[in-house]
C-alpha atoms as a PDB file:
ATOM      1  CA  MET A   1     -97.364 -96.235 -67.247  1.00  0.00           C
ATOM      2  CA  SER A   2     -97.365 -95.395 -64.000  1.00  0.00           C
ATOM      3  CA  GLU A   3     -98.734 -91.703 -62.480  1.00  0.00           C
ATOM      4  CA  GLN A   4     -95.116 -91.077 -61.527  1.00  0.00           C
ATOM      5  CA  GLN A   5     -93.598 -91.421 -65.073  1.00  0.00           C
ATOM      6  CA  GLU A   6     -96.226 -89.496 -66.968  1.00  0.00           C
ATOM      7  CA  ILE A   7     -95.308 -86.289 -64.213  1.00  0.00           C
ATOM      8  CA  GLN A   8     -91.891 -86.686 -65.495  1.00  0.00           C
ATOM      9  CA  GLU A   9     -92.289 -86.706 -68.731  1.00  0.00           C
ATOM     10  CA  GLU A  10     -94.855 -83.489 -68.513  1.00  0.00           C
ATOM     11  CA  ALA A  11     -92.013 -81.452 -66.809  1.00  0.00           C
ATOM     12  CA  PRO A  12     -89.710 -78.597 -68.584  1.00  0.00           C
ATOM     13  CA  ILE A  13     -86.432 -79.754 -69.623  1.00  0.00           C
ATOM     14  CA  GLN A  14     -84.118 -76.502 -67.930  1.00  0.00           C
ATOM     15  CA  PRO A  15     -81.138 -75.887 -70.005  1.00  0.00           C
ATOM     16  CA  ALA A  16     -77.856 -75.473 -69.058  1.00  0.00           C
ATOM     17  CA  VAL A  17     -75.607 -72.768 -68.072  1.00  0.00           C
ATOM     18  CA  ASP A  18     -72.462 -71.403 -70.292  1.00  0.00           C
ATOM     19  CA  LEU A  19     -70.400 -70.773 -67.998  1.00  0.00           C
ATOM     20  CA  GLU A  20     -67.538 -70.385 -71.185  1.00  0.00           C
ATOM     21  CA  ALA A  21     -69.858 -67.714 -72.869  1.00  0.00           C
ATOM     22  CA  LEU A  22     -70.216 -65.732 -69.717  1.00  0.00           C
ATOM     23  CA  MET A  23     -66.617 -65.523 -69.118  1.00  0.00           C
ATOM     24  CA  SER A  24     -66.087 -64.335 -72.682  1.00  0.00           C
ATOM     25  CA  GLU A  25     -68.881 -61.846 -72.040  1.00  0.00           C
ATOM     26  CA  ASN A  26     -67.257 -60.776 -69.263  1.00  0.00           C
ATOM     27  CA  ALA A  27     -63.612 -60.639 -70.280  1.00  0.00           C
ATOM     28  CA  ALA A  28     -64.999 -58.714 -73.858  1.00  0.00           C
ATOM     29  CA  MET A  29     -67.166 -56.078 -70.799  1.00  0.00           C
ATOM     30  CA  LYS A  30     -63.655 -55.673 -68.788  1.00  0.00           C
ATOM     31  CA  ALA A  31     -61.542 -55.221 -72.171  1.00  0.00           C
ATOM     32  CA  LYS A  32     -64.144 -52.715 -72.966  1.00  0.00           C
ATOM     33  CA  MET A  33     -63.999 -51.033 -69.951  1.00  0.00           C
ATOM     34  CA  ASP A  34     -60.166 -50.933 -69.890  1.00  0.00           C
ATOM     35  CA  GLU A  35     -60.020 -49.154 -72.668  1.00  0.00           C
ATOM     36  CA  LEU A  36     -61.938 -46.379 -72.130  1.00  0.00           C
ATOM     37  CA  LEU A  37     -59.996 -45.753 -69.646  1.00  0.00           C
ATOM     38  CA  THR A  38     -57.301 -45.815 -71.310  1.00  0.00           C
ATOM     39  CA  GLU A  39     -59.215 -43.350 -73.202  1.00  0.00           C
ATOM     40  CA  ALA A  40     -60.018 -41.251 -70.701  1.00  0.00           C
ATOM     41  CA  LYS A  41     -56.578 -41.139 -69.187  1.00  0.00           C
ATOM     42  CA  LYS A  42     -54.854 -39.911 -72.709  1.00  0.00           C
ATOM     43  CA  ALA A  43     -57.854 -37.270 -72.774  1.00  0.00           C
ATOM     44  CA  LYS A  44     -56.809 -36.029 -69.684  1.00  0.00           C
ATOM     45  CA  SER A  45     -53.357 -36.313 -71.043  1.00  0.00           C
ATOM     46  CA  ALA A  46     -53.759 -34.091 -73.880  1.00  0.00           C
ATOM     47  CA  LYS A  47     -55.913 -31.748 -72.385  1.00  0.00           C
ATOM     48  CA  ARG A  48     -53.410 -31.502 -68.931  1.00  0.00           C
ATOM     49  CA  GLU A  49     -50.510 -30.969 -72.289  1.00  0.00           C
ATOM     50  CA  ILE A  50     -52.369 -27.879 -74.116  1.00  0.00           C
ATOM     51  CA  GLU A  51     -53.241 -26.251 -70.753  1.00  0.00           C
ATOM     52  CA  GLU A  52     -50.009 -26.408 -70.406  1.00  0.00           C
ATOM     53  CA  GLN A  53     -48.805 -25.460 -74.036  1.00  0.00           C
ATOM     54  CA  SER A  54     -51.291 -22.582 -73.379  1.00  0.00           C
ATOM     55  CA  GLN A  55     -49.643 -21.427 -70.529  1.00  0.00           C
ATOM     56  CA  VAL A  56     -46.234 -21.258 -71.893  1.00  0.00           C
ATOM     57  CA  GLU A  57     -47.404 -19.558 -74.626  1.00  0.00           C
ATOM     58  CA  ARG A  58     -49.081 -16.967 -72.570  1.00  0.00           C
ATOM     59  CA  GLU A  59     -46.013 -16.576 -70.912  1.00  0.00           C
ATOM     60  CA  ARG A  60     -44.150 -16.365 -73.924  1.00  0.00           C
ATOM     61  CA  ILE A  61     -46.928 -13.587 -75.537  1.00  0.00           C
ATOM     62  CA  ALA A  62     -46.972 -11.350 -72.638  1.00  0.00           C
ATOM     63  CA  ARG A  63     -42.656 -11.993 -72.716  1.00  0.00           C
ATOM     64  CA  GLU A  64     -42.819 -10.591 -75.655  1.00  0.00           C
ATOM     65  CA  LYS A  65     -45.718  -7.507 -75.055  1.00  0.00           C
ATOM     66  CA  GLY A  66     -43.507  -6.488 -72.073  1.00  0.00           C
ATOM     67  CA  ASP A  67     -40.070  -6.183 -74.394  1.00  0.00           C
ATOM     68  CA  PHE A  68     -41.632  -4.393 -76.937  1.00  0.00           C
ATOM     69  CA  GLU A  69     -43.416  -2.383 -74.602  1.00  0.00           C
ATOM     70  CA  GLN A  70     -40.238  -1.409 -73.103  1.00  0.00           C
ATOM     71  CA  LEU A  71     -39.103  -1.194 -76.762  1.00  0.00           C
ATOM     72  CA  HIS A  72     -41.472   1.347 -77.116  1.00  0.00           C
ATOM     73  CA  ARG A  73     -40.669   3.228 -74.221  1.00  0.00           C
ATOM     74  CA  SER A  74     -36.864   3.043 -74.895  1.00  0.00           C
ATOM     75  CA  SER A  75     -37.597   4.418 -78.208  1.00  0.00           C
ATOM     76  CA  GLU A  76     -39.832   7.177 -77.235  1.00  0.00           C
ATOM     77  CA  GLU A  77     -37.191   8.520 -74.835  1.00  0.00           C
ATOM     78  CA  ARG A  78     -34.479   8.371 -77.418  1.00  0.00           C
ATOM     79  CA  TYR A  79     -36.807  10.248 -79.641  1.00  0.00           C
ATOM     80  CA  GLN A  80     -37.510  13.014 -77.387  1.00  0.00           C
ATOM     81  CA  GLU A  81     -33.923  13.515 -76.618  1.00  0.00           C
ATOM     82  CA  THR A  82     -33.494  14.144 -80.359  1.00  0.00           C
ATOM     83  CA  VAL A  83     -35.965  16.693 -79.981  1.00  0.00           C
ATOM     84  CA  LYS A  84     -34.791  18.245 -77.476  1.00  0.00           C
ATOM     85  CA  GLU A  85     -31.313  18.390 -78.928  1.00  0.00           C
ATOM     86  CA  LEU A  86     -32.719  19.859 -82.167  1.00  0.00           C
ATOM     87  CA  GLU A  87     -35.118  22.258 -80.473  1.00  0.00           C
ATOM     88  CA  SER A  88     -31.910  23.354 -78.898  1.00  0.00           C
ATOM     89  CA  MET A  89     -29.802  23.469 -81.488  1.00  0.00           C
ATOM     90  CA  ARG A  90     -32.384  25.127 -83.587  1.00  0.00           C
ATOM     91  CA  ALA A  91     -33.004  27.724 -80.434  1.00  0.00           C
ATOM     92  CA  ASN A  92     -28.916  28.345 -80.960  1.00  0.00           C
ATOM     93  CA  VAL A  93     -29.091  28.941 -84.418  1.00  0.00           C
ATOM     94  CA  ALA A  94     -32.165  31.523 -83.841  1.00  0.00           C
ATOM     95  CA  ASN A  95     -30.094  33.038 -81.492  1.00  0.00           C
ATOM     96  CA  GLU A  96     -26.822  33.221 -83.303  1.00  0.00           C
ATOM     97  CA  LYS A  97     -28.372  34.817 -86.232  1.00  0.00           C
ATOM     98  CA  ARG A  98     -30.050  37.874 -84.094  1.00  0.00           C
ATOM     99  CA  ASN A  99     -27.506  38.437 -82.214  1.00  0.00           C
ATOM    100  CA  ASN A 100     -25.077  38.161 -85.282  1.00  0.00           C
ATOM    101  CA  ALA A 101     -27.733  41.073 -87.039  1.00  0.00           C
ATOM    102  CA  ALA A 102     -28.178  43.134 -84.451  1.00  0.00           C
ATOM    103  CA  MET A 103     -24.064  43.390 -83.782  1.00  0.00           C
ATOM    104  CA  LYS A 104     -24.203  44.505 -87.804  1.00  0.00           C
ATOM    105  CA  VAL A 105     -26.570  47.066 -87.545  1.00  0.00           C
ATOM    106  CA  ALA A 106     -24.776  47.696 -84.524  1.00  0.00           C
ATOM    107  CA  THR A 107     -21.222  48.414 -86.133  1.00  0.00           C
ATOM    108  CA  GLU A 108     -23.152  50.777 -88.575  1.00  0.00           C
ATOM    109  CA  LEU A 109     -24.064  52.910 -85.841  1.00  0.00           C
ATOM    110  CA  ALA A 110     -21.610  52.973 -82.714  1.00  0.00           C
ATOM    111  CA  ASP A 111     -17.722  51.776 -82.477  1.00  0.00           C
ATOM    112  CA  GLY A 112     -15.889  49.196 -79.740  1.00  0.00           C
ATOM    113  CA  ALA A 113     -17.662  48.357 -76.833  1.00  0.00           C
ATOM    114  CA  ASN A 114     -20.477  51.319 -77.748  1.00  0.00           C
ATOM    115  CA  ALA A 115     -21.260  48.650 -80.393  1.00  0.00           C
ATOM    116  CA  GLU A 116     -21.548  45.783 -78.645  1.00  0.00           C
ATOM    117  CA  LEU A 117     -23.689  47.624 -75.733  1.00  0.00           C
ATOM    118  CA  LEU A 118     -25.894  48.647 -78.608  1.00  0.00           C
ATOM    119  CA  SER A 119     -26.537  45.176 -80.629  1.00  0.00           C
ATOM    120  CA  GLU A 120     -27.732  44.252 -76.600  1.00  0.00           C
ATOM    121  CA  PHE A 121     -30.494  46.582 -76.926  1.00  0.00           C
ATOM    122  CA  ILE A 122     -31.188  46.460 -81.096  1.00  0.00           C
ATOM    123  CA  SER A 123     -31.531  42.356 -80.672  1.00  0.00           C
ATOM    124  CA  ARG A 124     -34.393  42.397 -78.452  1.00  0.00           C
ATOM    125  CA  ARG A 125     -36.277  44.106 -81.685  1.00  0.00           C
ATOM    126  CA  LEU A 126     -34.984  40.928 -83.537  1.00  0.00           C
ATOM    127  CA  LYS A 127     -37.066  37.999 -84.515  1.00  0.00           C
ATOM    128  CA  TYR A 128     -35.058  34.657 -86.440  1.00  0.00           C
ATOM    129  CA  HIS A 129     -37.675  33.099 -88.613  1.00  0.00           C
ATOM    130  CA  ASP A 130     -36.980  30.530 -91.231  1.00  0.00           C
ATOM    131  CA  ASP A 131     -36.977  33.219 -93.765  1.00  0.00           C
ATOM    132  CA  GLY A 132     -34.658  35.016 -91.507  1.00  0.00           C
ATOM    133  CA  VAL A 133     -34.403  37.716 -88.966  1.00  0.00           C
ATOM    134  CA  LYS A 134     -37.172  40.069 -88.621  1.00  0.00           C
ATOM    135  CA  VAL A 135     -37.911  42.805 -87.164  1.00  0.00           C
ATOM    136  CA  THR A 136     -40.485  43.100 -84.113  1.00  0.00           C
ATOM    137  CA  ASP A 137     -42.092  46.003 -82.271  1.00  0.00           C
ATOM    138  CA  SER A 138     -41.210  47.042 -78.482  1.00  0.00           C
ATOM    139  CA  SER A 139     -43.995  44.058 -77.849  1.00  0.00           C
ATOM    140  CA  GLY A 140     -42.083  41.481 -79.398  1.00  0.00           C
ATOM    141  CA  ASP A 141     -44.913  41.323 -82.313  1.00  0.00           C
ATOM    142  CA  LEU A 142     -43.712  41.017 -86.416  1.00  0.00           C
ATOM    143  CA  THR A 143     -43.600  43.867 -88.009  1.00  0.00           C
ATOM    144  CA  VAL A 144     -42.964  45.000 -91.993  1.00  0.00           C
ATOM    145  CA  SER A 145     -40.405  47.094 -90.901  1.00  0.00           C
ATOM    146  CA  THR A 146     -36.699  45.991 -92.195  1.00  0.00           C
ATOM    147  CA  LEU A 147     -32.857  46.165 -90.763  1.00  0.00           C
ATOM    148  CA  GLU A 148     -32.611  49.537 -92.309  1.00  0.00           C
ATOM    149  CA  ASP A 149     -35.707  51.179 -90.558  1.00  0.00           C
ATOM    150  CA  LEU A 150     -34.518  49.723 -87.654  1.00  0.00           C
ATOM    151  CA  LYS A 151     -31.241  50.911 -87.879  1.00  0.00           C
ATOM    152  CA  ALA A 152     -32.970  54.534 -88.769  1.00  0.00           C
ATOM    153  CA  GLU A 153     -35.008  54.437 -85.583  1.00  0.00           C
ATOM    154  CA  PHE A 154     -31.886  53.827 -83.518  1.00  0.00           C
ATOM    155  CA  LYS A 155     -30.315  56.106 -85.169  1.00  0.00           C
ATOM    156  CA  ASN A 156     -33.083  59.311 -84.442  1.00  0.00           C
ATOM    157  CA  ASP A 157     -33.553  57.468 -81.218  1.00  0.00           C
ATOM    158  CA  ALA A 158     -32.486  60.182 -78.389  1.00  0.00           C
ATOM    159  CA  ARG A 159     -32.102  56.875 -75.658  1.00  0.00           C
ATOM    160  CA  TYR A 160     -29.065  56.056 -77.496  1.00  0.00           C
ATOM    161  CA  SER A 161     -27.665  58.910 -78.802  1.00  0.00           C
ATOM    162  CA  ALA A 162     -24.599  59.387 -76.630  1.00  0.00           C
ATOM    163  CA  LEU A 163     -23.421  56.080 -77.827  1.00  0.00           C
ATOM    164  CA  LEU A 164     -23.444  56.858 -81.386  1.00  0.00           C
ATOM    165  CA  LYS A 165     -20.250  57.481 -83.917  1.00  0.00           C
ATOM    166  CA  GLY A 166     -19.885  61.139 -83.291  1.00  0.00           C
ATOM    167  CA  ASN A 167     -21.544  62.069 -80.317  1.00  0.00           C
ATOM    168  CA  GLN A 168     -19.387  60.730 -78.355  1.00  0.00           C
ATOM    169  CA  SER A 169     -17.502  63.805 -75.988  1.00  0.00           C
ATOM    170  CA  SER A 170     -14.679  63.678 -73.575  1.00  0.00           C
ATOM    171  CA  GLY A 171     -14.816  66.626 -72.165  1.00  0.00           C
ATOM    172  CA  GLY A 172     -17.197  68.061 -69.411  1.00  0.00           C
ATOM    173  CA  GLY A 173     -20.180  70.176 -70.011  1.00  0.00           C
ATOM    174  CA  ALA A 174     -21.350  68.835 -73.170  1.00  0.00           C
ATOM    175  CA  SER A 175     -24.513  69.128 -73.265  1.00  0.00           C
ATOM    176  CA  GLY A 176     -24.926  72.718 -71.330  1.00  0.00           C
ATOM    177  CA  GLY A 177     -24.619  71.377 -67.751  1.00  0.00           C
ATOM    178  CA  SER A 178     -27.106  68.527 -68.253  1.00  0.00           C
ATOM    179  CA  ASN A 179     -25.044  66.616 -66.814  1.00  0.00           C
ATOM    180  CA  SER A 180     -24.595  68.738 -63.745  1.00  0.00           C
ATOM    181  CA  GLY A 181     -21.539  70.551 -65.086  1.00  0.00           C
ATOM    182  CA  GLY A 182     -19.506  67.124 -65.619  1.00  0.00           C
ATOM    183  CA  ALA A 183     -18.205  64.732 -67.764  1.00  0.00           C
ATOM    184  CA  ALA A 184     -20.501  61.682 -68.617  1.00  0.00           C
ATOM    185  CA  LYS A 185     -19.969  58.436 -66.497  1.00  0.00           C
ATOM    186  CA  VAL A 186     -18.125  55.943 -68.222  1.00  0.00           C
ATOM    187  CA  LYS A 187     -18.184  52.358 -66.901  1.00  0.00           C
ATOM    188  CA  SER A 188     -16.480  49.176 -67.306  1.00  0.00           C
ATOM    189  CA  ARG A 189     -18.019  46.195 -69.365  1.00  0.00           C
ATOM    190  CA  ALA A 190     -18.055  44.215 -66.407  1.00  0.00           C
ATOM    191  CA  GLU A 191     -19.937  46.789 -64.332  1.00  0.00           C
ATOM    192  CA  PHE A 192     -22.623  47.667 -67.381  1.00  0.00           C
ATOM    193  CA  GLU A 193     -22.847  43.522 -67.381  1.00  0.00           C
ATOM    194  CA  ALA A 194     -23.467  43.755 -63.529  1.00  0.00           C
ATOM    195  CA  LEU A 195     -26.394  46.397 -63.679  1.00  0.00           C
ATOM    196  CA  ASP A 196     -30.178  45.075 -64.217  1.00  0.00           C
ATOM    197  CA  PRO A 197     -31.747  46.122 -67.884  1.00  0.00           C
ATOM    198  CA  ALA A 198     -33.694  49.138 -66.099  1.00  0.00           C
ATOM    199  CA  GLY A 199     -30.110  49.967 -65.026  1.00  0.00           C
ATOM    200  CA  ARG A 200     -28.645  49.370 -68.124  1.00  0.00           C
ATOM    201  CA  MET A 201     -30.952  51.560 -69.968  1.00  0.00           C
ATOM    202  CA  SER A 202     -30.339  54.314 -67.609  1.00  0.00           C
ATOM    203  CA  PHE A 203     -26.904  54.949 -67.962  1.00  0.00           C
ATOM    204  CA  VAL A 204     -27.358  54.698 -71.712  1.00  0.00           C
ATOM    205  CA  LYS A 205     -29.865  57.484 -71.531  1.00  0.00           C
ATOM    206  CA  SER A 206     -28.257  59.684 -68.703  1.00  0.00           C
ATOM    207  CA  GLY A 207     -25.371  59.661 -71.327  1.00  0.00           C
ATOM    208  CA  GLY A 208     -22.747  56.864 -69.681  1.00  0.00           C
ATOM    209  CA  LYS A 209     -20.320  55.669 -72.107  1.00  0.00           C
ATOM    210  CA  LEU A 210     -18.266  52.123 -71.651  1.00  0.00           C
ATOM    211  CA  THR A 211     -14.765  51.176 -71.638  1.00  0.00           C
ATOM    212  CA  ASP A 212     -13.358  47.878 -73.127  1.00  0.00           C
ATOM    213  CA  ASN A 213     -11.696  47.824 -69.696  1.00  0.00           C
END
């Protein structure tokens, strides 16, 4: 055997490259990448869909909240209007009860226009409560006095004597000249109502008389 032959026999044998295996592996890797990309796209799409749904839900809640607030405001306004109406009705009832009680006392003390005039002064001493009409003092504070007590007070008060039954005088000088020797002043109902409270009181104290005209 020659030296050349010995060298050839001792050289290692190189394995042949398996192209089909490489191509198959590459194809598998590509398929896997495509699968991963598809999954990533699906994930992004799902995330975007969730975000859109969340936005829609937030908008819906905001609308409902706004509707609720508007409904609440409307209900509150209606409630306040109802309260005002009830308060107004109660005030009207209170005034009516008080004025009726004042007129009842006044008609027991005076007649006609004088009774109407006297009832205005009496009503200022009355206040209506849920348990009825109560008598107050001159400052408006409640007292333990009854309507009969108030009636007696007005009957004995010289300031209102000219309005009481039996005290009216049609002649002049009934008070011994205290009215300047003439008859007491006479005013119509309209003229009296045009006076301020102080003027009305002065008119009454001076012995003035009212006519129904």
